[in-house]
Each structure stands twice: as structure tokens, then as C-alpha cells.
Amino acid sequence: MTPTGRGPLIREPSQERTSLTTLAGLFLKLGTVAFGGPAAHIAMMEEEVVRRRRWLTRDAFLDYLGATNLIPGPNSTELAIHIGHARAGWPGLLVAGTCFILPAALIVTAIAWAYVRLGTLPAAAGVLYGVKPVVIAVIVQALWGLGRTALKTRALVMLGAVATVAAALGVHELVILALAGAVMAGGARLRDRPAMSSTAAFTMTGIASGSAGATPFALWPLFAVFLKIGAVLFGSGYVLLAFLRADLVQRLGWLTERQLLDAVAVGQITPGPVFSTATFIGFVLGGTPGAAVATVGIFLPAFVFVALSGPLVPRLRRSSTAGAVLDGVNVASLALMAVVTWELARAALVDPLTIAIALVSWVLLTRYRVNSAWLVLGGGLAGVALGHAAT
């Protein structure tokens, strides 16, 4: 058992600070091979940080994951920033976040360059055909390990089941997270009757973009649009699509509907954060300076929010009420992740071959502990070698 009594660990994590070079190497690698969206990114981080390197306990990892769900912005990027801060302080916060974002930004910039010249997206169906089943295996493995740590009481198991059903029925993710935290907080208050109320609130800052009507393109308005989106956006890539359409297509008239859909597709098919969609749009509108401005604008709030909330997470765990809220949010986060994984699996496991790739990846991960980065690369090569194209 851990000193807090929260379940068995593989081994106590290293207490030594991690060098910035090591931190940069890990997150540059993850940013290069982490296909599949936030659920896959979180799974790969858990494999590297908890099981392989033992930088964090599963409990601490879950607490940081829960905290990212309480603030706006890209969850997997914020989790990388949390890990960097936990392992190397403020310099680690900047290095981990920047290195996770950088590969996606460079890859998307190259794709945008080709898009501007060719007028269409490069084909990637073969690569994705082989990569998606591997991603499913990685996520399922992470869910299994994290779930065994998070579901430590009958109440949490029941809460997880209810949250999973609610997510599958389409209840908004923020409602699920808020209710899960409230239920567990209520239970904690009933247990500790002289409840010492130690409530923690994560503040969400909205930055209004004040332009109205058609606006000529310029870098500062572009920065303001993406800064606003990064500061207020909760939810999936589909929510991002709605924000981008409202600002860039309808209000400003800078993008066409087709360009917007192509931009979102690039964010989905490339590794790293889905918010790299901003890099693509910035390049299409303003070349390399536009790509840089849009990327900084949409990711900057994540660094600020994590810097403000990160130091509070260990303190929250020491309060019975706030710790119960984190337990509830952690379980709800895994429930949301499980539902997303089911939807991804239905799209990825489309024939006996993709099912076989997923099963082989699962065996290699669980029995032989092959690094998920090699499996992702192998899946991509297999997809290309099989010559599978979208039909």
C-alpha cells in the first residue's frame, strides 16, 4: 500500500529531479509518435511516466489527469506540462509542454505548405489504417492499469459505471465531471462530520474578441482569436470545430468551410495535440508568421492555467473533501476515456486484419513490454506495406 493507503504500486517513484534534456527527449518523442487524440496521448504518457520510468505513482498521475479536466484547453498537453513541473519545476513545465507541441507544429506546418501549393491534403489512409489498431491497444492497456488504481471502493466503481452510461447517452462531459466530484465531496462531508471545508476552485478566464463584422486579416487579430479559444474551450475536437467556424468562417470570413474541415482533418491525422489545427490555419492565412502566432495563441493559456493550478493539486489531496472531489473527477475522466475508446475502436477495427494488429499490439505491450512508440511506427509501416487505401 502507499503511505496514503490508496493501493499497491509497482515501485516507489524516483524522487530525484529529472534533467531537462531527458524531459525534452521524452516529450519530443511522444509529440512525434502520439497519434490518436488525447486518449491515446494520455495512455502513452502513463506508459512512459508511470510504468517505464516510474516518475509518478498512478495516484499522482490520475490526480494530474483529473486536474486537467477542470481547466480549459488541450488535456494531453496540460498533462505533459503538469508532468514537466512535477519532475523539474518551472523550467520543466516549459520544456515538457513546448517539446510535446513542437513536433506536431512542425509536421502540420509542412503539410500546410504542401496544401497551399497543391490545394489538397496529402493522402495518409494507409498509415492510419495500421496505426489506429495499435492506438486502441495502447489506450485499453492504460485504462486497465489506471482503472485498477482509481476504482478503489465500491462507491467509486458504481460512480464509474454511472458516468460511463451517462457519457454513452451523450450527457455533456463537464456535467459528468462536476456531478462526480460533487457526489464524492458529499460523501466525504457525511463521513467527516465536523467538515473542514477546504474547497478549491479552478478559475476559468474568458477573453472576449471584440471585433464585429468582416475584418481584414492581420496577425494580432489572429492571435486574439486563438488566445480566446485556448482560454475558454472545454471539450473535444468537435467543440474546437464549432469555435473555429464561428470566428474564422462566419464572423471574420477568413476561411472557407472546406479549408476549415481540411484544417480539422490535419489535426486528427497528425501526431501530438489536436490543437495543432491552429498551426495549419495560421499558415494558410499568414504563412510561417501566421502559423507561429496561431500556435502560441492557442497553447499559451494551457501553460498559464497549469502554472496556476498545478501547485494546488498535492494540497487538494491532503484535504478529505477536496481529495474526494479529485477521486470522483478521476473516475469520471476514465469513464469518458472508455467511451471515447469504444467509439475509436468501432472506427479502427474494421476487418480481421486490423483486429489482428490490435491483438498483437496488446500482447507485445502487456507481455513483452515493447515501447508503444515502436508499435505505432510498426503499425504505420504495416499499413503502408499492405497498400491499404480508403475505399
Protein backbone atom coordinates (compact mmCIF):
# COMPACT_ATOMS: atom_id res chain seq x y z
CA MET A 1 0.00 0.00 0.00
CA THR A 2 1.04 3.60 -0.48
CA PRO A 3 1.55 5.79 2.60
CA THR A 4 -1.95 7.21 1.92
CA GLY A 5 -3.44 3.74 1.68
CA ARG A 6 -4.53 4.17 -1.94
CA GLY A 7 -3.47 0.82 -3.39
CA PRO A 8 -0.35 -1.09 -4.42
CA LEU A 9 2.34 0.40 -6.57
CA ILE A 10 4.88 -1.28 -8.81
CA ARG A 11 7.68 0.57 -7.06
CA GLU A 12 8.09 3.92 -5.36
CA PRO A 13 8.75 6.66 -7.94
CA SER A 14 12.13 8.32 -8.21
CA GLN A 15 12.38 11.43 -6.05
CA GLU A 16 15.34 12.88 -7.98
CA ARG A 17 14.67 15.79 -10.30
CA THR A 18 14.62 14.83 -13.96
CA SER A 19 17.11 16.60 -16.21
CA LEU A 20 15.68 18.98 -18.78
CA THR A 21 17.45 17.03 -21.54
CA THR A 22 15.73 13.79 -20.52
CA LEU A 23 12.39 15.56 -20.23
CA ALA A 24 12.82 17.16 -23.65
CA GLY A 25 13.79 13.83 -25.24
CA LEU A 26 10.72 12.04 -23.90
CA PHE A 27 8.18 14.67 -24.92
CA LEU A 28 9.76 15.26 -28.32
CA LYS A 29 9.38 11.52 -28.92
CA LEU A 30 5.79 11.47 -27.69
CA GLY A 31 4.92 14.53 -29.74
CA THR A 32 6.26 12.74 -32.83
CA VAL A 33 4.52 9.35 -32.44
CA ALA A 34 1.43 10.07 -30.31
CA PHE A 35 -1.32 9.51 -32.87
CA GLY A 36 -4.97 9.06 -31.94
CA GLY A 37 -6.02 12.12 -29.96
CA PRO A 38 -5.97 12.91 -26.21
CA ALA A 39 -6.98 9.42 -25.01
CA ALA A 40 -4.02 7.89 -26.85
CA HIS A 41 -1.64 10.63 -25.70
CA ILE A 42 -2.64 10.09 -22.06
CA ALA A 43 -2.18 6.33 -22.44
CA MET A 44 1.33 6.76 -23.87
CA MET A 45 2.30 9.21 -21.12
CA GLU A 46 1.08 6.75 -18.49
CA GLU A 47 3.18 4.00 -20.04
CA GLU A 48 6.33 6.15 -20.12
CA VAL A 49 5.96 8.15 -16.90
CA VAL A 50 4.32 5.64 -14.54
CA ARG A 51 5.30 2.15 -15.71
CA ARG A 52 8.59 2.57 -17.56
CA ARG A 53 10.36 5.47 -15.85
CA ARG A 54 8.41 5.49 -12.55
CA TRP A 55 8.48 9.27 -12.35
CA LEU A 56 4.98 9.39 -10.84
CA THR A 57 2.73 6.99 -8.97
CA ARG A 58 -0.51 6.04 -10.70
CA ASP A 59 -2.33 8.01 -7.99
CA ALA A 60 -0.39 11.20 -8.73
CA PHE A 61 -0.82 10.69 -12.48
CA LEU A 62 -4.59 10.31 -12.00
CA ASP A 63 -4.73 13.45 -9.87
CA TYR A 64 -2.98 15.49 -12.56
CA LEU A 65 -5.28 13.99 -15.19
CA GLY A 66 -8.30 14.94 -13.10
CA ALA A 67 -6.97 18.48 -12.68
CA THR A 68 -6.61 18.92 -16.45
CA ASN A 69 -10.32 18.14 -16.81
CA LEU A 70 -11.19 21.05 -14.53
CA ILE A 71 -9.49 23.72 -16.65
CA PRO A 72 -9.96 24.74 -20.29
CA GLY A 73 -7.53 23.76 -23.01
CA PRO A 74 -5.97 20.61 -24.51
CA ASN A 75 -5.96 17.94 -21.79
CA SER A 76 -3.00 15.88 -23.01
CA THR A 77 -0.82 18.99 -23.47
CA GLU A 78 -1.75 20.19 -19.99
CA LEU A 79 -0.91 16.77 -18.59
CA ALA A 80 2.53 16.98 -20.22
CA ILE A 81 3.01 20.41 -18.64
CA HIS A 82 1.96 19.05 -15.21
CA ILE A 83 4.46 16.18 -15.52
CA GLY A 84 7.24 18.58 -16.51
CA HIS A 85 6.51 20.80 -13.50
CA ALA A 86 6.37 17.80 -11.12
CA ARG A 87 9.74 16.47 -12.33
CA ALA A 88 11.78 19.64 -12.98
CA GLY A 89 9.94 22.66 -11.61
CA TRP A 90 9.16 25.74 -13.70
CA PRO A 91 11.82 25.06 -16.36
CA GLY A 92 10.39 21.53 -16.72
CA LEU A 93 6.89 22.97 -17.15
CA LEU A 94 8.06 24.98 -20.17
CA VAL A 95 10.28 22.26 -21.65
CA ALA A 96 7.76 19.41 -21.44
CA GLY A 97 4.88 21.43 -22.88
CA THR A 98 6.93 23.01 -25.65
CA CYS A 99 8.56 19.75 -26.69
CA PHE A 100 5.21 17.94 -26.82
CA ILE A 101 3.74 20.67 -29.05
CA LEU A 102 6.78 21.30 -31.29
CA PRO A 103 6.80 18.11 -33.45
CA ALA A 104 3.11 18.45 -34.29
CA ALA A 105 3.57 22.14 -35.12
CA LEU A 106 6.46 21.37 -37.50
CA ILE A 107 4.66 18.42 -39.15
CA VAL A 108 1.47 20.44 -39.60
CA THR A 109 3.42 23.39 -40.99
CA ALA A 110 4.96 21.09 -43.63
CA ILE A 111 1.52 19.72 -44.53
CA ALA A 112 0.11 23.26 -44.71
CA TRP A 113 2.97 24.28 -47.05
CA ALA A 114 2.06 21.39 -49.38
CA TYR A 115 -1.64 22.21 -49.03
CA VAL A 116 -1.16 25.85 -50.07
CA ARG A 117 0.74 24.73 -53.17
CA LEU A 118 -1.34 21.68 -54.13
CA GLY A 119 -4.77 22.78 -52.94
CA THR A 120 -5.45 19.40 -51.31
CA LEU A 121 -4.27 17.25 -48.39
CA PRO A 122 -1.59 14.57 -48.86
CA ALA A 123 -3.02 11.04 -48.60
CA ALA A 124 -2.47 9.28 -45.26
CA ALA A 125 -5.06 6.50 -45.31
CA GLY A 126 -2.54 3.63 -45.41
CA VAL A 127 -0.57 4.90 -42.42
CA LEU A 128 -3.71 5.47 -40.34
CA TYR A 129 -5.09 2.03 -41.24
CA GLY A 130 -2.16 0.40 -39.43
CA VAL A 131 -1.73 2.98 -36.65
CA LYS A 132 -5.31 3.12 -35.35
CA PRO A 133 -5.49 -0.51 -34.11
CA VAL A 134 -2.19 -0.03 -32.24
CA VAL A 135 -3.58 3.11 -30.62
CA ILE A 136 -6.63 1.15 -29.39
CA ALA A 137 -4.38 -1.47 -27.75
CA VAL A 138 -2.31 1.26 -26.04
CA ILE A 139 -5.39 3.03 -24.68
CA VAL A 140 -7.03 -0.17 -23.39
CA GLN A 141 -3.83 -1.13 -21.57
CA ALA A 142 -3.65 2.31 -19.91
CA LEU A 143 -7.33 2.21 -18.96
CA TRP A 144 -6.85 -1.18 -17.31
CA GLY A 145 -3.91 0.00 -15.19
CA LEU A 146 -5.41 3.38 -14.26
CA GLY A 147 -8.81 1.85 -13.55
CA ARG A 148 -7.36 -0.63 -11.07
CA THR A 149 -5.88 2.32 -9.16
CA ALA A 150 -8.85 4.70 -9.41
CA LEU A 151 -11.67 2.25 -8.65
CA LYS A 152 -10.61 1.54 -5.10
CA THR A 153 -14.02 1.45 -3.38
CA ARG A 154 -17.46 0.13 -4.27
CA ALA A 155 -18.78 3.68 -4.36
CA LEU A 156 -16.20 4.65 -6.97
CA VAL A 157 -16.94 1.53 -9.04
CA MET A 158 -20.65 2.42 -9.04
CA LEU A 159 -19.85 6.05 -9.84
CA GLY A 160 -17.65 4.93 -12.75
CA ALA A 161 -20.44 2.73 -14.13
CA VAL A 162 -22.99 5.55 -13.93
CA ALA A 163 -20.56 8.03 -15.51
CA THR A 164 -19.84 5.60 -18.35
CA VAL A 165 -23.55 5.14 -19.08
CA ALA A 166 -24.13 8.91 -18.92
CA ALA A 167 -21.27 9.57 -21.35
CA ALA A 168 -22.56 6.89 -23.72
CA LEU A 169 -26.00 8.56 -23.63
CA GLY A 170 -24.46 11.88 -24.64
CA VAL A 171 -24.52 13.78 -21.33
CA HIS A 172 -22.07 16.69 -21.56
CA GLU A 173 -18.64 15.81 -20.20
CA LEU A 174 -18.49 18.87 -17.90
CA VAL A 175 -21.79 17.86 -16.29
CA ILE A 176 -20.45 14.32 -15.69
CA LEU A 177 -17.20 15.61 -14.17
CA ALA A 178 -18.95 18.18 -11.97
CA LEU A 179 -21.57 15.73 -10.65
CA ALA A 180 -18.96 13.03 -9.99
CA GLY A 181 -16.87 15.45 -7.95
CA ALA A 182 -19.94 16.74 -6.08
CA VAL A 183 -21.17 13.23 -5.22
CA MET A 184 -17.81 12.21 -3.76
CA ALA A 185 -17.47 15.53 -1.90
CA GLY A 186 -20.91 15.00 -0.35
CA GLY A 187 -19.92 11.52 0.76
CA ALA A 188 -16.71 12.83 2.34
CA ARG A 189 -18.60 15.52 4.24
CA LEU A 190 -21.01 12.94 5.63
CA ARG A 191 -18.07 10.82 6.80
CA ASP A 192 -16.18 13.71 8.47
CA ARG A 193 -18.98 15.45 10.24
CA PRO A 194 -17.04 18.40 11.58
CA ALA A 195 -16.26 19.03 7.94
CA MET A 196 -13.32 21.26 7.48
CA SER A 197 -14.34 22.87 4.27
CA SER A 198 -11.35 23.13 2.05
CA THR A 199 -12.73 23.89 -1.33
CA ALA A 200 -10.56 24.57 -4.32
CA ALA A 201 -11.82 26.39 -7.35
CA PHE A 202 -10.14 26.44 -10.69
CA THR A 203 -10.86 29.76 -12.35
CA MET A 204 -11.63 29.95 -15.99
CA THR A 205 -10.81 33.19 -17.68
CA GLY A 206 -12.60 34.17 -20.86
CA ILE A 207 -11.02 36.69 -23.19
CA ALA A 208 -13.54 38.33 -25.45
CA SER A 209 -12.66 39.07 -29.01
CA GLY A 210 -14.19 42.40 -29.69
CA SER A 211 -14.21 42.65 -33.47
CA ALA A 212 -17.52 42.58 -35.29
CA GLY A 213 -18.23 42.19 -38.98
CA ALA A 214 -15.75 41.33 -41.74
CA THR A 215 -12.19 42.14 -40.68
CA PRO A 216 -9.08 42.35 -42.88
CA PHE A 217 -6.57 39.64 -41.96
CA ALA A 218 -3.80 40.66 -39.55
CA LEU A 219 -1.57 38.79 -37.13
CA TRP A 220 -2.79 40.42 -33.91
CA PRO A 221 -6.48 39.65 -34.52
CA LEU A 222 -5.42 36.10 -35.43
CA PHE A 223 -3.53 35.83 -32.13
CA ALA A 224 -6.58 37.18 -30.23
CA VAL A 225 -8.92 34.61 -31.81
CA PHE A 226 -6.73 31.65 -30.88
CA LEU A 227 -5.89 33.03 -27.43
CA LYS A 228 -9.63 33.26 -26.71
CA ILE A 229 -10.25 29.71 -27.93
CA GLY A 230 -7.37 28.31 -25.87
CA ALA A 231 -8.64 30.14 -22.77
CA VAL A 232 -12.28 29.05 -22.86
CA LEU A 233 -12.51 25.77 -24.77
CA PHE A 234 -13.56 22.64 -22.91
CA GLY A 235 -14.38 19.50 -24.86
CA SER A 236 -13.47 17.54 -27.95
CA GLY A 237 -12.23 18.37 -31.43
CA TYR A 238 -15.84 18.83 -32.47
CA VAL A 239 -16.19 21.67 -29.96
CA LEU A 240 -12.99 23.17 -31.41
CA LEU A 241 -14.57 22.95 -34.87
CA ALA A 242 -17.59 24.93 -33.65
CA PHE A 243 -15.40 27.70 -32.18
CA LEU A 244 -13.25 27.95 -35.31
CA ARG A 245 -16.26 28.06 -37.60
CA ALA A 246 -17.99 30.80 -35.58
CA ASP A 247 -14.90 33.04 -35.54
CA LEU A 248 -12.97 32.36 -38.74
CA VAL A 249 -15.70 31.41 -41.21
CA GLN A 250 -18.81 33.25 -40.08
CA ARG A 251 -17.60 36.33 -38.19
CA LEU A 252 -14.28 37.19 -39.86
CA GLY A 253 -14.70 35.46 -43.22
CA TRP A 254 -11.03 34.44 -43.34
CA LEU A 255 -11.62 30.73 -44.12
CA THR A 256 -13.97 28.75 -46.32
CA GLU A 257 -15.93 25.78 -44.95
CA ARG A 258 -13.71 23.39 -46.93
CA GLN A 259 -10.50 24.93 -45.60
CA LEU A 260 -11.82 24.62 -42.05
CA LEU A 261 -12.70 20.93 -42.47
CA ASP A 262 -9.28 20.27 -44.05
CA ALA A 263 -7.63 22.02 -41.08
CA VAL A 264 -9.52 19.88 -38.55
CA ALA A 265 -8.68 16.74 -40.54
CA VAL A 266 -4.96 17.60 -40.36
CA GLY A 267 -5.24 17.97 -36.57
CA GLN A 268 -6.80 14.50 -36.39
CA ILE A 269 -4.37 12.61 -38.69
CA THR A 270 -1.11 14.04 -37.35
CA PRO A 271 0.58 13.09 -34.05
CA GLY A 272 0.54 15.31 -31.00
CA PRO A 273 -2.13 17.76 -29.82
CA VAL A 274 -5.30 18.14 -31.91
CA PHE A 275 -4.99 21.89 -31.27
CA SER A 276 -2.20 21.86 -33.89
CA THR A 277 -5.16 22.60 -36.21
CA ALA A 278 -4.35 26.21 -35.27
CA THR A 279 -0.88 25.90 -36.82
CA PHE A 280 -2.39 24.77 -40.12
CA ILE A 281 -4.91 27.63 -40.19
CA GLY A 282 -2.26 30.16 -39.25
CA PHE A 283 0.00 29.04 -42.11
CA VAL A 284 -2.85 29.05 -44.66
CA LEU A 285 -3.78 32.60 -43.62
CA GLY A 286 -0.40 34.16 -42.91
CA GLY A 287 2.46 31.83 -43.84
CA THR A 288 5.12 30.96 -41.27
CA PRO A 289 4.47 34.04 -39.06
CA GLY A 290 0.76 33.20 -39.03
CA ALA A 291 1.50 29.58 -38.05
CA ALA A 292 3.71 30.73 -35.17
CA VAL A 293 1.21 33.33 -33.91
CA ALA A 294 -1.76 30.95 -34.02
CA THR A 295 0.19 28.15 -32.29
CA VAL A 296 1.39 30.39 -29.45
CA GLY A 297 -2.08 31.90 -29.07
CA ILE A 298 -4.00 28.64 -28.66
CA PHE A 299 -1.45 26.89 -26.38
CA LEU A 300 -0.40 29.84 -24.17
CA PRO A 301 -3.45 29.62 -21.83
CA ALA A 302 -2.65 25.96 -21.10
CA PHE A 303 0.75 26.93 -19.66
CA VAL A 304 -0.84 29.71 -17.58
CA PHE A 305 -3.67 27.54 -16.22
CA VAL A 306 -1.34 24.67 -15.29
CA ALA A 307 1.14 27.09 -13.68
CA LEU A 308 -1.69 28.45 -11.52
CA SER A 309 -3.43 25.15 -10.69
CA GLY A 310 -0.51 22.69 -10.61
CA PRO A 311 0.89 23.59 -7.17
CA LEU A 312 -2.62 23.18 -5.69
CA VAL A 313 -3.05 19.53 -6.71
CA PRO A 314 -0.93 17.94 -3.88
CA ARG A 315 -2.65 20.25 -1.36
CA LEU A 316 -6.07 19.20 -2.59
CA ARG A 317 -5.18 15.56 -2.00
CA ARG A 318 -4.39 16.34 1.66
CA SER A 319 -7.92 17.64 2.26
CA SER A 320 -10.52 14.89 2.71
CA THR A 321 -13.25 16.83 0.89
CA ALA A 322 -11.08 18.12 -1.96
CA GLY A 323 -9.40 14.71 -2.23
CA ALA A 324 -12.82 13.09 -2.60
CA VAL A 325 -13.64 15.56 -5.40
CA LEU A 326 -10.43 14.51 -7.18
CA ASP A 327 -11.33 10.83 -6.74
CA GLY A 328 -14.72 11.45 -8.33
CA VAL A 329 -13.29 13.51 -11.19
CA ASN A 330 -10.59 10.87 -11.80
CA VAL A 331 -13.17 8.09 -12.13
CA ALA A 332 -15.37 10.24 -14.38
CA SER A 333 -12.35 11.08 -16.54
CA LEU A 334 -11.65 7.37 -17.05
CA ALA A 335 -15.32 6.77 -17.86
CA LEU A 336 -15.17 9.46 -20.56
CA MET A 337 -11.94 7.95 -21.85
CA ALA A 338 -13.55 4.50 -22.00
CA VAL A 339 -16.49 5.76 -24.07
CA VAL A 340 -14.14 7.60 -26.45
CA THR A 341 -12.08 4.40 -26.79
CA TRP A 342 -15.20 2.42 -27.71
CA GLU A 343 -16.05 4.92 -30.45
CA LEU A 344 -12.45 4.91 -31.71
CA ALA A 345 -12.38 1.11 -31.73
CA ARG A 346 -15.54 0.94 -33.84
CA ALA A 347 -13.85 3.17 -36.41
CA ALA A 348 -10.42 1.49 -36.24
CA LEU A 349 -11.18 -2.25 -36.02
CA VAL A 350 -12.92 -2.57 -39.36
CA ASP A 351 -11.78 -6.02 -40.57
CA PRO A 352 -9.92 -9.15 -39.37
CA LEU A 353 -6.55 -7.60 -40.21
CA THR A 354 -7.00 -4.52 -38.03
CA ILE A 355 -8.32 -6.72 -35.19
CA ALA A 356 -5.19 -8.89 -35.54
CA ILE A 357 -2.92 -5.82 -35.42
CA ALA A 358 -4.66 -4.66 -32.23
CA LEU A 359 -4.37 -8.08 -30.55
CA VAL A 360 -0.69 -8.49 -31.46
CA SER A 361 -0.01 -4.97 -30.15
CA TRP A 362 -1.81 -5.83 -26.90
CA VAL A 363 0.33 -8.94 -26.40
CA LEU A 364 3.56 -7.08 -27.19
CA LEU A 365 2.61 -4.30 -24.75
CA THR A 366 1.44 -6.44 -21.85
CA ARG A 367 3.69 -9.47 -22.07
CA TYR A 368 6.88 -8.19 -23.69
CA ARG A 369 6.58 -4.52 -22.66
CA VAL A 370 7.50 -3.25 -26.12
CA ASN A 371 7.55 0.55 -26.18
CA SER A 372 4.33 1.93 -27.69
CA ALA A 373 6.31 4.33 -29.90
CA TRP A 374 7.82 1.36 -31.79
CA LEU A 375 4.39 -0.24 -32.10
CA VAL A 376 2.89 2.93 -33.57
CA LEU A 377 5.71 3.19 -36.11
CA GLY A 378 5.36 -0.52 -36.90
CA GLY A 379 1.62 -0.15 -37.37
CA GLY A 380 2.13 2.74 -39.76
CA LEU A 381 4.66 0.78 -41.81
CA ALA A 382 2.34 -2.23 -41.86
CA GLY A 383 -0.49 -0.06 -43.14
CA VAL A 384 1.68 1.32 -45.94
CA ALA A 385 3.10 -2.13 -46.81
CA LEU A 386 -0.37 -3.59 -47.06
CA GLY A 387 -1.16 -0.87 -49.55
CA HIS A 388 -4.49 -0.17 -47.89
CA ALA A 389 -6.20 2.99 -49.16
CA ALA A 390 -9.52 4.47 -48.18
CA THR A 391 -12.20 2.83 -50.25
